[in-house]
């Protein structure tokens, strides 16, 4: 489908709950697509992100009306909030915590976010996620995420990170 004249439509949708109303419906309709069919495909592809806002791209070839749906990865903040089952970040993250996560969950989120992170190593990616966790009021293993970041540097989590290194090394884009 790379004829060079594709049209890319980008939207943010709630996982599994895209609707035919604006802005999605009118944009799909003006591109000459079957709105119901595209919405159904978006919902199928995003249902695992239910409750999260997910970036979605619809790539359309205007001459043939063929299209593809590409689902992005929710924001780090959205993934962290989902993990602690919170609706929103803390307004005062240094004094008001919204939840605690095990370090393993931080590593899993780092792996999920790999395509969008600039980190070259799993350790670097984990530290990025720890920074996000701290900024929204999430502790890790019962401690401030900054303290956990220092422990990562000291090697206290090397054994845990080693379990995921192979997965981090896969799928180099």
Protein backbone atom coordinates (compact mmCIF):
# COMPACT_ATOMS: atom_id res chain seq x y z
CA UNK A 1 0.00 0.00 0.00
CA UNK A 2 2.89 2.41 -0.46
CA UNK A 3 1.81 4.14 -3.62
CA UNK A 4 3.24 7.41 -2.31
CA UNK A 5 -0.11 9.17 -2.24
CA UNK A 6 -1.49 7.79 0.99
CA UNK A 7 -3.41 9.91 3.39
CA UNK A 8 -2.64 9.44 7.08
CA UNK A 9 -5.40 10.12 9.59
CA UNK A 10 -4.23 10.32 13.22
CA UNK A 11 -6.48 10.13 16.27
CA UNK A 12 -6.41 9.52 19.99
CA UNK A 13 -9.08 7.01 20.99
CA UNK A 14 -10.07 5.30 24.20
CA UNK A 15 -8.98 1.67 23.97
CA UNK A 16 -11.81 -0.50 22.64
CA UNK A 17 -14.28 2.38 22.64
CA UNK A 18 -13.84 4.33 19.40
CA UNK A 19 -17.10 5.89 18.22
CA UNK A 20 -18.37 7.03 14.83
CA UNK A 21 -18.93 10.58 16.08
CA UNK A 22 -16.57 13.48 15.47
CA UNK A 23 -13.68 13.65 14.85
CA UNK A 24 -13.36 10.01 13.77
CA UNK A 25 -16.57 9.42 11.78
CA UNK A 26 -16.49 12.53 9.60
CA UNK A 27 -12.77 12.10 8.81
CA UNK A 28 -13.23 8.45 7.82
CA UNK A 29 -16.33 9.27 5.80
CA UNK A 30 -14.59 12.09 3.91
CA UNK A 31 -11.77 9.64 3.09
CA UNK A 32 -14.42 7.41 1.49
CA UNK A 33 -14.13 4.59 4.03
CA UNK A 34 -16.80 2.39 5.59
CA UNK A 35 -16.93 4.12 8.99
CA UNK A 36 -18.50 1.19 10.86
CA UNK A 37 -15.97 -1.30 9.55
CA UNK A 38 -12.98 0.91 10.40
CA UNK A 39 -14.33 1.71 13.88
CA UNK A 40 -14.83 -2.01 14.52
CA UNK A 41 -11.25 -2.76 13.47
CA UNK A 42 -9.90 0.06 15.67
CA UNK A 43 -11.87 -1.27 18.65
CA UNK A 44 -10.62 -4.82 18.10
CA UNK A 45 -7.01 -3.66 17.85
CA UNK A 46 -7.23 -1.38 20.92
CA UNK A 47 -9.36 -3.46 23.30
CA UNK A 48 -6.30 -4.56 25.29
CA UNK A 49 -5.79 -0.88 26.18
CA UNK A 50 -9.30 -0.43 27.58
CA UNK A 51 -9.47 2.64 29.80
CA UNK A 52 -6.41 4.23 28.18
CA UNK A 53 -6.08 6.82 25.45
CA UNK A 54 -4.29 5.25 22.52
CA UNK A 55 -2.81 6.90 19.42
CA UNK A 56 -4.21 5.38 16.21
CA UNK A 57 -3.19 6.02 12.59
CA UNK A 58 -5.34 5.08 9.65
CA UNK A 59 -3.34 5.00 6.43
CA UNK A 60 -5.58 5.31 3.39
CA UNK A 61 -4.88 4.99 -0.32
CA UNK A 62 -7.49 7.43 -1.69
CA UNK A 63 -7.55 5.85 -5.14
CA UNK A 64 -8.30 2.29 -4.01
CA UNK A 65 -9.88 3.05 -0.59
CA UNK A 66 -7.63 0.40 0.93
CA UNK A 67 -6.51 1.22 4.43
CA UNK A 68 -4.53 -0.08 7.36
CA UNK A 69 -4.90 0.67 11.05
CA UNK A 70 -1.77 1.17 13.15
CA UNK A 71 -2.12 1.30 16.91
CA UNK A 72 0.48 3.18 18.93
CA UNK A 73 1.47 2.70 22.55
CA UNK A 74 -0.31 4.64 25.31
CA UNK A 75 1.71 7.24 27.20
CA UNK A 76 3.99 6.16 30.03
CA UNK A 77 1.76 8.05 32.46
CA UNK A 78 -1.33 6.19 31.20
CA UNK A 79 0.40 2.79 31.60
CA UNK A 80 1.58 3.68 35.11
CA UNK A 81 -1.87 4.92 36.16
CA UNK A 82 -3.45 1.72 34.83
CA UNK A 83 -0.89 -0.36 36.76
CA UNK A 84 -1.78 1.31 40.08
CA UNK A 85 -5.48 1.53 39.16
CA UNK A 86 -5.55 5.30 39.60
CA UNK A 87 -7.63 7.73 37.57
CA UNK A 88 -5.16 10.62 37.58
CA UNK A 89 -1.66 11.62 38.71
CA UNK A 90 -1.09 13.09 42.13
CA UNK A 91 -1.41 16.87 42.31
CA UNK A 92 1.43 16.81 44.86
CA UNK A 93 3.60 13.80 43.94
CA UNK A 94 6.24 14.43 46.61
CA UNK A 95 3.74 14.33 49.49
CA UNK A 96 0.68 12.55 48.12
CA UNK A 97 1.31 9.10 46.67
CA UNK A 98 -1.25 7.40 44.44
CA UNK A 99 0.16 3.88 44.55
CA UNK A 100 3.11 1.53 44.74
CA UNK A 101 4.41 -0.81 42.05
CA UNK A 102 6.87 -3.68 42.17
CA UNK A 103 10.08 -3.08 40.23
CA UNK A 104 9.10 -5.91 37.88
CA UNK A 105 6.09 -3.89 36.68
CA UNK A 106 8.37 -0.91 35.96
CA UNK A 107 10.55 -3.20 33.82
CA UNK A 108 7.47 -4.51 31.96
CA UNK A 109 6.34 -0.95 31.17
CA UNK A 110 9.88 -0.11 29.98
CA UNK A 111 9.68 -3.08 27.59
CA UNK A 112 6.26 -1.97 26.33
CA UNK A 113 7.53 1.55 25.71
CA UNK A 114 10.83 0.50 24.08
CA UNK A 115 9.88 1.66 20.55
CA UNK A 116 9.28 5.20 21.83
CA UNK A 117 12.13 5.50 24.32
CA UNK A 118 15.51 6.93 23.44
CA UNK A 119 17.25 4.71 25.99
CA UNK A 120 19.87 2.39 24.52
CA UNK A 121 19.79 -0.05 27.45
CA UNK A 122 17.09 -1.67 29.55
CA UNK A 123 18.64 -0.04 32.62
CA UNK A 124 18.31 3.39 30.98
CA UNK A 125 14.71 2.69 29.99
CA UNK A 126 13.83 1.56 33.52
CA UNK A 127 15.31 4.77 34.92
CA UNK A 128 13.17 6.78 32.48
CA UNK A 129 10.01 4.97 33.66
CA UNK A 130 11.07 5.46 37.30
CA UNK A 131 11.31 9.21 36.65
CA UNK A 132 7.79 9.23 35.24
CA UNK A 133 6.51 7.19 38.19
CA UNK A 134 8.05 9.63 40.66
CA UNK A 135 6.60 12.64 38.85
CA UNK A 136 3.02 11.35 39.19
CA UNK A 137 3.24 10.10 42.79
CA UNK A 138 4.02 6.39 42.44
CA UNK A 139 6.46 4.63 44.73
CA UNK A 140 8.35 1.48 43.71
CA UNK A 141 8.85 -1.41 46.12
CA UNK A 142 7.63 0.96 48.85
CA UNK A 143 10.36 3.53 48.17
CA UNK A 144 10.65 6.85 46.36
CA UNK A 145 11.37 6.14 42.70
CA UNK A 146 14.47 8.39 42.83
CA UNK A 147 15.93 6.15 45.55
CA UNK A 148 15.14 3.08 43.43
CA UNK A 149 16.88 4.76 40.48
CA UNK A 150 20.03 5.11 42.59
CA UNK A 151 19.73 1.44 43.57
CA UNK A 152 19.51 0.55 39.87
CA UNK A 153 22.77 2.44 39.32
CA UNK A 154 24.34 0.60 42.27
CA UNK A 155 23.43 -2.75 40.70
CA UNK A 156 20.81 -3.86 43.26
CA UNK A 157 18.39 -4.80 40.48
CA UNK A 158 20.90 -6.36 38.08
CA UNK A 159 19.53 -9.88 38.64
CA UNK A 160 15.97 -8.76 37.84
CA UNK A 161 17.09 -6.76 34.80
CA UNK A 162 19.14 -9.72 33.54
CA UNK A 163 15.90 -11.77 33.32
CA UNK A 164 14.55 -9.23 30.80
CA UNK A 165 17.73 -8.34 28.88
CA UNK A 166 17.02 -10.92 26.16
CA UNK A 167 13.54 -9.52 25.57
CA UNK A 168 14.97 -5.97 25.46
CA UNK A 169 17.50 -7.08 22.83
CA UNK A 170 14.79 -8.47 20.53
CA UNK A 171 13.01 -6.59 17.76
CA UNK A 172 15.59 -3.93 17.07
CA UNK A 173 13.82 -1.61 14.68
